[in-house]
């Protein structure tokens, strides 16, 4: 096989992979906008997961929460934790987040697995950074967060309406138990 062909094919594969990786963290569900007056420093700290769609890492978890802390290099240290009520043990995952786009946009990319990042779109913040609605790259990922373990009924309805309009199947929501 011609050496130039192998190099060209290799370059095409690497280029395609790089494009796919770089574009995947920029995506969000169709019709969804992120917060445009976002203040990262106000977002830092502890957030309780009030509701989410289930996925592999968070399967069977209750008492889930996330802690965000600013690193010296401007990235955000992310620590997610919860209690697996089936295996009867605590789970912790450490990751890193980076701002994407403009500094005042609620658009980040988060990684718990080395160079692989996923979109983290902060769609709505209410109550002076007391509540947040976060969506992933598509309608398979959603989190309703609060600084406490509960959510006001008005904010709950507003967040559910935003998610419904974005095409989320709300029957998949898991309302997280905190005890």
N, C-alpha and C. Protein backbone atom coordinates (compact mmCIF):
# COMPACT_ATOMS: atom_id res chain seq x y z
N UNK A 1 0.84 -1.18 0.00
CA UNK A 1 0.00 0.00 0.00
C UNK A 1 0.89 1.25 0.00
N UNK A 2 0.50 2.24 -0.73
CA UNK A 2 1.27 3.47 -0.87
C UNK A 2 1.33 4.21 0.47
N UNK A 3 2.54 4.63 0.85
CA UNK A 3 2.77 5.31 2.12
C UNK A 3 1.96 6.61 2.22
N UNK A 4 1.84 7.34 1.10
CA UNK A 4 1.06 8.58 1.09
C UNK A 4 -0.41 8.31 1.40
N UNK A 5 -0.93 7.20 0.87
CA UNK A 5 -2.32 6.83 1.11
C UNK A 5 -2.54 6.56 2.60
N UNK A 6 -1.61 5.83 3.21
CA UNK A 6 -1.72 5.52 4.63
C UNK A 6 -1.68 6.80 5.46
N UNK A 7 -0.75 7.71 5.14
CA UNK A 7 -0.66 8.98 5.86
C UNK A 7 -1.92 9.82 5.67
N UNK A 8 -2.43 9.86 4.46
CA UNK A 8 -3.65 10.63 4.18
C UNK A 8 -4.83 10.04 4.94
N UNK A 9 -4.95 8.73 4.93
CA UNK A 9 -6.05 8.06 5.64
C UNK A 9 -5.93 8.30 7.14
N UNK A 10 -4.71 8.20 7.65
CA UNK A 10 -4.49 8.46 9.08
C UNK A 10 -4.84 9.89 9.44
N UNK A 11 -4.44 10.83 8.59
CA UNK A 11 -4.77 12.24 8.83
C UNK A 11 -6.27 12.49 8.81
N UNK A 12 -6.95 11.82 7.89
CA UNK A 12 -8.40 11.96 7.80
C UNK A 12 -9.08 11.42 9.06
N UNK A 13 -8.61 10.28 9.54
CA UNK A 13 -9.19 9.69 10.75
C UNK A 13 -8.95 10.60 11.95
N UNK A 14 -7.71 11.07 12.11
CA UNK A 14 -7.39 11.96 13.23
C UNK A 14 -8.19 13.27 13.12
N UNK A 15 -8.28 13.83 11.93
CA UNK A 15 -9.04 15.06 11.74
C UNK A 15 -10.52 14.89 12.05
N UNK A 16 -11.08 13.78 11.59
CA UNK A 16 -12.49 13.49 11.85
C UNK A 16 -12.73 13.31 13.35
N UNK A 17 -11.85 12.58 14.02
CA UNK A 17 -11.98 12.36 15.46
C UNK A 17 -11.86 13.69 16.21
N UNK A 18 -10.90 14.52 15.82
CA UNK A 18 -10.73 15.81 16.48
C UNK A 18 -11.96 16.69 16.29
N UNK A 19 -12.52 16.70 15.07
CA UNK A 19 -13.73 17.48 14.81
C UNK A 19 -14.89 16.96 15.65
N UNK A 20 -15.05 15.64 15.69
CA UNK A 20 -16.14 15.05 16.46
C UNK A 20 -16.01 15.38 17.94
N UNK A 21 -14.81 15.26 18.48
CA UNK A 21 -14.60 15.56 19.89
C UNK A 21 -14.81 17.03 20.19
N UNK A 22 -14.33 17.91 19.32
CA UNK A 22 -14.47 19.33 19.58
C UNK A 22 -15.90 19.80 19.41
N UNK A 23 -16.62 19.21 18.48
CA UNK A 23 -17.99 19.68 18.26
C UNK A 23 -18.97 19.08 19.25
N UNK A 24 -18.67 17.90 19.81
CA UNK A 24 -19.64 17.27 20.70
C UNK A 24 -19.88 18.09 21.96
N UNK A 25 -18.85 18.75 22.49
CA UNK A 25 -19.05 19.50 23.72
C UNK A 25 -19.72 20.83 23.48
N UNK A 26 -19.87 21.22 22.24
CA UNK A 26 -20.51 22.49 21.94
C UNK A 26 -22.02 22.34 21.74
N UNK A 27 -22.52 21.13 21.74
CA UNK A 27 -23.92 20.92 21.38
C UNK A 27 -24.85 21.03 22.58
N UNK A 28 -26.11 21.23 22.25
CA UNK A 28 -27.18 21.29 23.24
C UNK A 28 -28.47 20.92 22.53
N UNK A 29 -29.50 20.57 23.29
CA UNK A 29 -30.77 20.23 22.63
C UNK A 29 -31.28 21.37 21.76
N UNK A 30 -31.95 21.02 20.69
CA UNK A 30 -32.49 21.99 19.74
C UNK A 30 -33.44 22.97 20.44
N UNK A 31 -33.25 24.23 20.15
CA UNK A 31 -34.12 25.26 20.71
C UNK A 31 -33.77 25.70 22.13
N UNK A 32 -32.71 25.15 22.68
CA UNK A 32 -32.32 25.47 24.05
C UNK A 32 -31.24 26.55 24.04
N UNK A 33 -31.40 27.53 24.89
CA UNK A 33 -30.39 28.58 25.05
C UNK A 33 -29.79 28.48 26.44
N UNK A 34 -28.55 28.91 26.56
CA UNK A 34 -27.90 28.91 27.87
C UNK A 34 -28.04 30.29 28.51
N UNK A 35 -27.81 30.36 29.80
CA UNK A 35 -27.83 31.61 30.54
C UNK A 35 -26.78 32.54 29.94
N UNK A 36 -27.14 33.79 29.69
CA UNK A 36 -26.21 34.73 29.07
C UNK A 36 -25.67 35.78 30.05
N UNK A 37 -26.11 35.72 31.29
CA UNK A 37 -25.55 36.61 32.32
C UNK A 37 -24.95 35.76 33.44
N UNK A 38 -24.24 34.72 33.03
CA UNK A 38 -23.69 33.72 33.95
C UNK A 38 -22.47 34.26 34.70
N UNK A 39 -22.42 33.95 36.00
CA UNK A 39 -21.29 34.33 36.85
C UNK A 39 -20.74 33.05 37.48
N UNK A 40 -19.64 32.57 36.96
CA UNK A 40 -19.07 31.30 37.42
C UNK A 40 -18.80 31.31 38.92
N UNK A 41 -18.30 32.41 39.45
CA UNK A 41 -17.97 32.46 40.88
C UNK A 41 -19.21 32.27 41.75
N UNK A 42 -20.34 32.78 41.30
CA UNK A 42 -21.59 32.58 42.07
C UNK A 42 -22.11 31.15 41.94
N UNK A 43 -21.73 30.48 40.87
CA UNK A 43 -22.18 29.10 40.63
C UNK A 43 -21.38 28.09 41.47
N UNK A 44 -20.17 28.45 41.86
CA UNK A 44 -19.32 27.54 42.62
C UNK A 44 -19.96 27.15 43.95
N UNK A 45 -19.50 26.04 44.51
CA UNK A 45 -20.00 25.57 45.80
C UNK A 45 -20.79 24.29 45.63
N UNK A 46 -21.67 24.04 46.60
CA UNK A 46 -22.46 22.80 46.63
C UNK A 46 -23.81 22.97 45.96
N UNK A 47 -24.19 21.94 45.21
CA UNK A 47 -25.51 21.84 44.59
C UNK A 47 -26.05 20.44 44.86
N UNK A 48 -27.29 20.36 45.28
CA UNK A 48 -27.96 19.07 45.44
C UNK A 48 -28.73 18.74 44.17
N UNK A 49 -28.68 17.50 43.80
CA UNK A 49 -29.45 17.05 42.65
C UNK A 49 -30.87 16.76 43.12
N UNK A 50 -31.81 17.52 42.62
CA UNK A 50 -33.21 17.32 42.99
C UNK A 50 -33.85 16.30 42.04
N UNK A 51 -33.49 16.38 40.76
CA UNK A 51 -34.03 15.44 39.77
C UNK A 51 -33.00 15.27 38.65
N UNK A 52 -33.09 14.13 37.96
CA UNK A 52 -32.17 13.83 36.86
C UNK A 52 -32.75 12.70 36.02
N UNK A 53 -32.18 12.50 34.86
CA UNK A 53 -32.40 11.28 34.11
C UNK A 53 -31.32 10.31 34.58
N UNK A 54 -31.68 9.05 34.70
CA UNK A 54 -30.73 8.06 35.16
C UNK A 54 -29.72 7.73 34.07
N UNK A 55 -28.49 7.54 34.45
CA UNK A 55 -27.47 7.01 33.54
C UNK A 55 -26.47 6.22 34.37
N UNK A 56 -25.56 5.57 33.72
CA UNK A 56 -24.71 4.57 34.34
C UNK A 56 -24.07 5.00 35.65
N UNK A 57 -23.37 6.12 35.71
CA UNK A 57 -22.67 6.49 36.93
C UNK A 57 -23.63 6.72 38.10
N UNK A 58 -24.78 7.30 37.83
CA UNK A 58 -25.68 7.65 38.93
C UNK A 58 -26.76 6.62 39.21
N UNK A 59 -26.68 5.47 38.58
CA UNK A 59 -27.65 4.41 38.79
C UNK A 59 -27.74 4.06 40.28
N UNK A 60 -28.94 4.03 40.81
CA UNK A 60 -29.22 3.66 42.21
C UNK A 60 -28.62 4.61 43.24
N UNK A 61 -28.38 5.86 42.87
CA UNK A 61 -27.81 6.81 43.83
C UNK A 61 -28.89 7.70 44.43
N UNK A 62 -28.76 7.92 45.72
CA UNK A 62 -29.56 8.92 46.41
C UNK A 62 -28.58 9.87 47.09
N UNK A 63 -29.09 10.94 47.67
CA UNK A 63 -28.24 11.93 48.34
C UNK A 63 -27.14 12.45 47.40
N UNK A 64 -27.48 12.62 46.15
CA UNK A 64 -26.47 13.05 45.18
C UNK A 64 -26.30 14.57 45.23
N UNK A 65 -25.04 14.93 45.09
CA UNK A 65 -24.72 16.35 45.04
C UNK A 65 -23.42 16.55 44.28
N UNK A 66 -23.20 17.81 43.91
CA UNK A 66 -21.98 18.18 43.20
C UNK A 66 -21.35 19.37 43.92
N UNK A 67 -20.03 19.35 43.94
CA UNK A 67 -19.29 20.48 44.50
C UNK A 67 -18.38 21.02 43.41
N UNK A 68 -18.45 22.34 43.18
CA UNK A 68 -17.65 23.01 42.16
C UNK A 68 -16.70 23.98 42.85
N UNK A 69 -15.40 23.88 42.52
CA UNK A 69 -14.40 24.76 43.10
C UNK A 69 -13.46 25.22 41.99
N UNK A 70 -13.08 26.50 42.04
CA UNK A 70 -12.21 27.07 41.03
C UNK A 70 -10.76 26.62 41.25
N UNK A 71 -10.13 26.13 40.20
CA UNK A 71 -8.71 25.77 40.23
C UNK A 71 -7.88 26.99 39.87
N UNK A 72 -6.60 26.96 40.21
CA UNK A 72 -5.69 28.08 39.93
C UNK A 72 -5.61 28.40 38.44
N UNK A 73 -5.78 27.39 37.58
CA UNK A 73 -5.66 27.61 36.13
C UNK A 73 -6.96 28.06 35.47
N UNK A 74 -7.99 28.35 36.29
CA UNK A 74 -9.26 28.83 35.75
C UNK A 74 -10.26 27.72 35.43
N UNK A 75 -9.83 26.47 35.49
CA UNK A 75 -10.76 25.36 35.30
C UNK A 75 -11.52 25.16 36.61
N UNK A 76 -12.52 24.31 36.56
CA UNK A 76 -13.35 24.06 37.73
C UNK A 76 -13.20 22.60 38.14
N UNK A 77 -12.86 22.39 39.40
CA UNK A 77 -12.82 21.04 39.95
C UNK A 77 -14.26 20.62 40.26
N UNK A 78 -14.66 19.46 39.78
CA UNK A 78 -16.03 18.97 39.98
C UNK A 78 -15.96 17.67 40.79
N UNK A 79 -16.66 17.64 41.90
CA UNK A 79 -16.75 16.42 42.70
C UNK A 79 -18.21 16.04 42.82
N UNK A 80 -18.58 14.94 42.20
CA UNK A 80 -19.95 14.42 42.30
C UNK A 80 -19.96 13.28 43.30
N UNK A 81 -20.99 13.23 44.14
CA UNK A 81 -21.07 12.16 45.12
C UNK A 81 -22.51 11.75 45.35
N UNK A 82 -22.66 10.55 45.88
CA UNK A 82 -23.98 10.02 46.22
C UNK A 82 -23.83 8.70 46.95
N UNK A 83 -24.96 8.19 47.39
CA UNK A 83 -24.96 6.92 48.11
C UNK A 83 -25.72 5.88 47.29
N UNK A 84 -25.03 4.79 46.95
CA UNK A 84 -25.64 3.69 46.21
C UNK A 84 -26.42 2.84 47.21
N UNK A 85 -27.75 2.94 47.17
CA UNK A 85 -28.59 2.24 48.14
C UNK A 85 -28.71 0.75 47.84
N UNK A 86 -28.28 0.29 46.69
CA UNK A 86 -28.28 -1.14 46.39
C UNK A 86 -26.99 -1.79 46.89
N UNK A 87 -25.85 -1.17 46.54
CA UNK A 87 -24.55 -1.71 46.97
C UNK A 87 -24.15 -1.23 48.37
N UNK A 88 -24.95 -0.33 48.91
CA UNK A 88 -24.73 0.21 50.25
C UNK A 88 -23.33 0.78 50.44
N UNK A 89 -22.97 1.70 49.53
CA UNK A 89 -21.67 2.36 49.63
C UNK A 89 -21.74 3.74 48.96
N UNK A 90 -20.86 4.62 49.42
CA UNK A 90 -20.77 5.96 48.83
C UNK A 90 -19.97 5.89 47.54
N UNK A 91 -20.34 6.72 46.59
CA UNK A 91 -19.63 6.84 45.32
C UNK A 91 -19.20 8.27 45.13
N UNK A 92 -17.98 8.46 44.65
CA UNK A 92 -17.45 9.79 44.38
C UNK A 92 -16.77 9.77 43.02
N UNK A 93 -16.99 10.80 42.24
CA UNK A 93 -16.31 10.96 40.95
C UNK A 93 -15.74 12.37 40.90
N UNK A 94 -14.47 12.46 40.55
CA UNK A 94 -13.81 13.76 40.41
C UNK A 94 -13.58 14.06 38.95
N UNK A 95 -13.86 15.29 38.58
CA UNK A 95 -13.68 15.70 37.19
C UNK A 95 -13.23 17.13 37.09
N UNK A 96 -13.23 17.60 35.86
CA UNK A 96 -12.80 18.96 35.58
C UNK A 96 -13.75 19.57 34.56
N UNK A 97 -14.05 20.85 34.75
CA UNK A 97 -14.90 21.57 33.81
C UNK A 97 -14.15 22.78 33.30
N UNK A 98 -14.50 23.17 32.07
CA UNK A 98 -13.93 24.36 31.44
C UNK A 98 -15.07 25.18 30.85
N UNK A 99 -14.92 26.49 30.92
CA UNK A 99 -15.88 27.37 30.28
C UNK A 99 -15.72 27.24 28.77
N UNK A 100 -16.82 27.35 28.05
CA UNK A 100 -16.82 27.27 26.59
C UNK A 100 -17.50 28.54 26.07
N UNK A 101 -16.95 29.13 25.06
CA UNK A 101 -17.56 30.32 24.49
C UNK A 101 -17.27 31.56 25.31
N UNK A 102 -18.24 32.44 25.40
CA UNK A 102 -18.07 33.71 26.10
C UNK A 102 -18.06 33.50 27.61
N UNK A 103 -17.31 34.33 28.35
CA UNK A 103 -17.20 34.15 29.80
C UNK A 103 -18.52 34.33 30.55
N UNK A 104 -19.48 35.03 29.96
CA UNK A 104 -20.76 35.26 30.64
C UNK A 104 -21.84 34.27 30.23
N UNK A 105 -21.47 33.21 29.49
CA UNK A 105 -22.44 32.19 29.08
C UNK A 105 -22.34 30.97 29.99
N UNK A 106 -23.48 30.41 30.32
CA UNK A 106 -23.54 29.21 31.15
C UNK A 106 -23.29 27.96 30.34
N UNK A 107 -22.16 27.94 29.69
CA UNK A 107 -21.82 26.85 28.78
C UNK A 107 -20.45 26.31 29.17
N UNK A 108 -20.43 25.07 29.64
CA UNK A 108 -19.18 24.45 30.04
C UNK A 108 -19.04 23.10 29.36
N UNK A 109 -17.85 22.56 29.47
CA UNK A 109 -17.62 21.17 29.08
C UNK A 109 -17.00 20.51 30.30
N UNK A 110 -17.44 19.27 30.58
CA UNK A 110 -17.03 18.57 31.78
C UNK A 110 -16.43 17.22 31.40
N UNK A 111 -15.37 16.85 32.11
CA UNK A 111 -14.73 15.56 31.86
C UNK A 111 -14.48 14.82 33.17
N UNK A 112 -14.88 13.57 33.17
CA UNK A 112 -14.53 12.67 34.26
C UNK A 112 -13.62 11.56 33.74
N UNK A 113 -13.36 11.58 32.43
CA UNK A 113 -12.61 10.51 31.78
C UNK A 113 -11.54 11.09 30.86
N UNK A 114 -10.50 11.66 31.44
CA UNK A 114 -9.37 12.14 30.64
C UNK A 114 -9.74 13.18 29.61
N UNK A 115 -9.40 12.91 28.35
CA UNK A 115 -9.59 13.94 27.32
C UNK A 115 -11.01 14.02 26.77
N UNK A 116 -11.93 13.22 27.28
CA UNK A 116 -13.29 13.19 26.74
C UNK A 116 -14.20 14.11 27.55
N UNK A 117 -14.74 15.12 26.87
CA UNK A 117 -15.58 16.12 27.52
C UNK A 117 -17.02 15.99 27.04
N UNK A 118 -17.94 16.35 27.92
CA UNK A 118 -19.36 16.38 27.58
C UNK A 118 -19.92 17.77 27.84
N UNK A 119 -20.91 18.17 27.07
CA UNK A 119 -21.53 19.48 27.26
C UNK A 119 -22.27 19.58 28.59
N UNK A 120 -22.19 20.74 29.19
CA UNK A 120 -22.87 21.05 30.45
C UNK A 120 -23.47 22.44 30.23
N UNK A 121 -24.75 22.46 29.87
CA UNK A 121 -25.43 23.70 29.50
C UNK A 121 -26.33 24.18 30.63
N UNK A 122 -26.00 25.31 31.22
CA UNK A 122 -26.82 25.88 32.28
C UNK A 122 -27.88 26.73 31.60
N UNK A 123 -29.09 26.21 31.60
CA UNK A 123 -30.18 26.79 30.83
C UNK A 123 -30.91 27.89 31.60
N UNK A 124 -31.08 27.68 32.89
CA UNK A 124 -31.81 28.64 33.71
C UNK A 124 -31.24 28.64 35.12
N UNK A 125 -31.14 29.83 35.70
CA UNK A 125 -30.76 29.98 37.10
C UNK A 125 -31.83 30.86 37.74
N UNK A 126 -32.29 30.45 38.90
CA UNK A 126 -33.35 31.19 39.60
C UNK A 126 -32.95 31.44 41.05
N UNK A 127 -33.61 32.42 41.64
CA UNK A 127 -33.44 32.68 43.06
C UNK A 127 -32.05 33.12 43.47
N UNK A 128 -31.37 33.89 42.61
CA UNK A 128 -30.04 34.36 42.96
C UNK A 128 -29.05 33.22 43.12
N UNK A 129 -29.06 32.32 42.16
CA UNK A 129 -28.17 31.13 42.14
C UNK A 129 -28.55 30.11 43.22
N UNK A 130 -29.85 30.03 43.49
CA UNK A 130 -30.35 29.02 44.42
C UNK A 130 -30.80 27.76 43.67
N UNK A 131 -31.27 27.92 42.44
CA UNK A 131 -31.75 26.81 41.62
C UNK A 131 -31.14 26.90 40.22
N UNK A 132 -30.88 25.72 39.64
CA UNK A 132 -30.33 25.70 38.28
C UNK A 132 -30.91 24.53 37.50
N UNK A 133 -31.17 24.77 36.22
CA UNK A 133 -31.59 23.73 35.29
C UNK A 133 -30.44 23.53 34.31
N UNK A 134 -29.93 22.30 34.25
CA UNK A 134 -28.76 21.98 33.42
C UNK A 134 -29.15 20.89 32.43
N UNK A 135 -28.73 21.07 31.19
CA UNK A 135 -29.00 20.09 30.13
C UNK A 135 -27.68 19.70 29.47
N UNK A 136 -27.64 18.48 28.98
CA UNK A 136 -26.47 17.98 28.28
C UNK A 136 -26.55 18.27 26.80
N UNK A 137 -25.89 17.41 26.02
CA UNK A 137 -25.81 17.64 24.57
C UNK A 137 -27.10 17.29 23.85
N UNK A 138 -27.95 16.48 24.48
CA UNK A 138 -29.21 16.08 23.86
C UNK A 138 -30.24 15.82 24.96
N UNK A 139 -31.39 15.33 24.58
CA UNK A 139 -32.47 15.15 25.56
C UNK A 139 -32.34 13.87 26.39
N UNK A 140 -31.14 13.32 26.45
CA UNK A 140 -30.87 12.18 27.34
C UNK A 140 -30.24 12.62 28.65
N UNK A 141 -29.91 13.90 28.78
CA UNK A 141 -29.22 14.39 29.97
C UNK A 141 -29.87 15.65 30.49
N UNK A 142 -30.27 15.59 31.77
CA UNK A 142 -30.88 16.76 32.41
C UNK A 142 -30.68 16.63 33.92
N UNK A 143 -30.45 17.78 34.56
CA UNK A 143 -30.33 17.84 36.00
C UNK A 143 -31.06 19.07 36.51
N UNK A 144 -31.83 18.88 37.56
CA UNK A 144 -32.44 20.00 38.27
C UNK A 144 -31.70 20.08 39.60
N UNK A 145 -31.06 21.23 39.83
CA UNK A 145 -30.19 21.41 40.99
C UNK A 145 -30.72 22.50 41.92
N UNK A 146 -30.35 22.35 43.19
CA UNK A 146 -30.74 23.32 44.20
C UNK A 146 -29.63 23.43 45.24
N UNK A 147 -29.54 24.57 45.87
CA UNK A 147 -28.57 24.73 46.96
C UNK A 147 -29.02 23.99 48.22
N UNK A 148 -30.29 23.62 48.26
CA UNK A 148 -30.82 22.80 49.35
C UNK A 148 -31.39 21.53 48.73
N UNK A 149 -31.90 20.64 49.53
CA UNK A 149 -32.42 19.37 49.01
C UNK A 149 -33.82 19.46 48.45
N UNK A 150 -34.39 20.68 48.44
CA UNK A 150 -35.75 20.83 47.93
C UNK A 150 -35.81 21.92 46.87
N UNK A 151 -36.97 22.02 46.27
CA UNK A 151 -37.20 22.94 45.16
C UNK A 151 -38.55 23.59 45.37
N UNK A 152 -38.65 24.90 45.16
CA UNK A 152 -39.95 25.54 45.31
C UNK A 152 -40.89 25.03 44.20
N UNK A 153 -42.19 24.92 44.51
CA UNK A 153 -43.14 24.43 43.50
C UNK A 153 -43.16 25.29 42.24
N UNK A 154 -43.00 26.61 42.39
CA UNK A 154 -43.02 27.50 41.23
C UNK A 154 -41.81 27.25 40.32
N UNK A 155 -40.63 27.10 40.90
CA UNK A 155 -39.42 26.84 40.13
C UNK A 155 -39.51 25.46 39.49
N UNK A 156 -40.03 24.50 40.23
CA UNK A 156 -40.19 23.15 39.69
C UNK A 156 -41.04 23.18 38.42
N UNK A 157 -42.19 23.84 38.48
CA UNK A 157 -43.07 23.91 37.32
C UNK A 157 -42.42 24.64 36.15
N UNK A 158 -41.71 25.72 36.45
CA UNK A 158 -41.03 26.47 35.39
C UNK A 158 -39.95 25.61 34.71
N UNK A 159 -39.15 24.91 35.51
CA UNK A 159 -38.10 24.05 34.95
C UNK A 159 -38.69 22.91 34.13
N UNK A 160 -39.76 22.31 34.64
CA UNK A 160 -40.40 21.21 33.90
C UNK A 160 -40.98 21.69 32.57
N UNK A 161 -41.52 22.88 32.55
CA UNK A 161 -42.07 23.44 31.31
C UNK A 161 -40.96 23.71 30.29
N UNK A 162 -39.84 24.23 30.75
CA UNK A 162 -38.70 24.47 29.86
C UNK A 162 -38.22 23.14 29.27
N UNK A 163 -38.11 22.13 30.12
CA UNK A 163 -37.65 20.81 29.67
C UNK A 163 -38.65 20.19 28.69
N UNK A 164 -39.93 20.32 28.98
CA UNK A 164 -40.98 19.78 28.11
C UNK A 164 -40.89 20.42 26.72
N UNK A 165 -40.76 21.74 26.69
CA UNK A 165 -40.66 22.46 25.41
C UNK A 165 -39.40 22.07 24.63
N UNK A 166 -38.35 21.67 25.35
CA UNK A 166 -37.09 21.27 24.70
C UNK A 166 -37.14 19.83 24.20
N UNK A 167 -38.26 19.13 24.49
CA UNK A 167 -38.41 17.78 23.98
C UNK A 167 -38.05 16.67 24.96
N UNK A 168 -37.87 16.99 26.22
CA UNK A 168 -37.53 15.97 27.22
C UNK A 168 -38.75 15.15 27.59
N UNK A 169 -38.56 13.84 27.73
CA UNK A 169 -39.60 12.93 28.20
C UNK A 169 -39.57 12.95 29.72
N UNK A 170 -40.42 13.75 30.32
CA UNK A 170 -40.37 13.98 31.76
C UNK A 170 -40.75 12.75 32.58
N UNK A 171 -41.32 11.73 31.95
CA UNK A 171 -41.62 10.50 32.69
C UNK A 171 -40.33 9.78 33.09
N UNK A 172 -39.21 10.14 32.47
CA UNK A 172 -37.92 9.53 32.79
C UNK A 172 -37.23 10.19 33.99
N UNK A 173 -37.76 11.31 34.47
CA UNK A 173 -37.13 12.01 35.58
C UNK A 173 -37.13 11.16 36.84
N UNK A 174 -35.99 11.13 37.50
CA UNK A 174 -35.88 10.50 38.81
C UNK A 174 -35.79 11.63 39.83
N UNK A 175 -36.71 11.63 40.79
CA UNK A 175 -36.68 12.63 41.84
C UNK A 175 -35.83 12.05 42.95
N UNK A 176 -34.70 12.67 43.18
CA UNK A 176 -33.67 12.13 44.06
C UNK A 176 -34.09 12.21 45.52
N UNK A 177 -33.91 11.10 46.22
CA UNK A 177 -34.20 11.06 47.64
C UNK A 177 -32.99 11.57 48.41
N UNK A 178 -33.25 12.47 49.35
CA UNK A 178 -32.19 12.99 50.23
C UNK A 178 -32.63 12.71 51.67
N UNK A 179 -31.82 11.92 52.36
CA UNK A 179 -32.13 11.63 53.77
C UNK A 179 -30.87 11.59 54.63
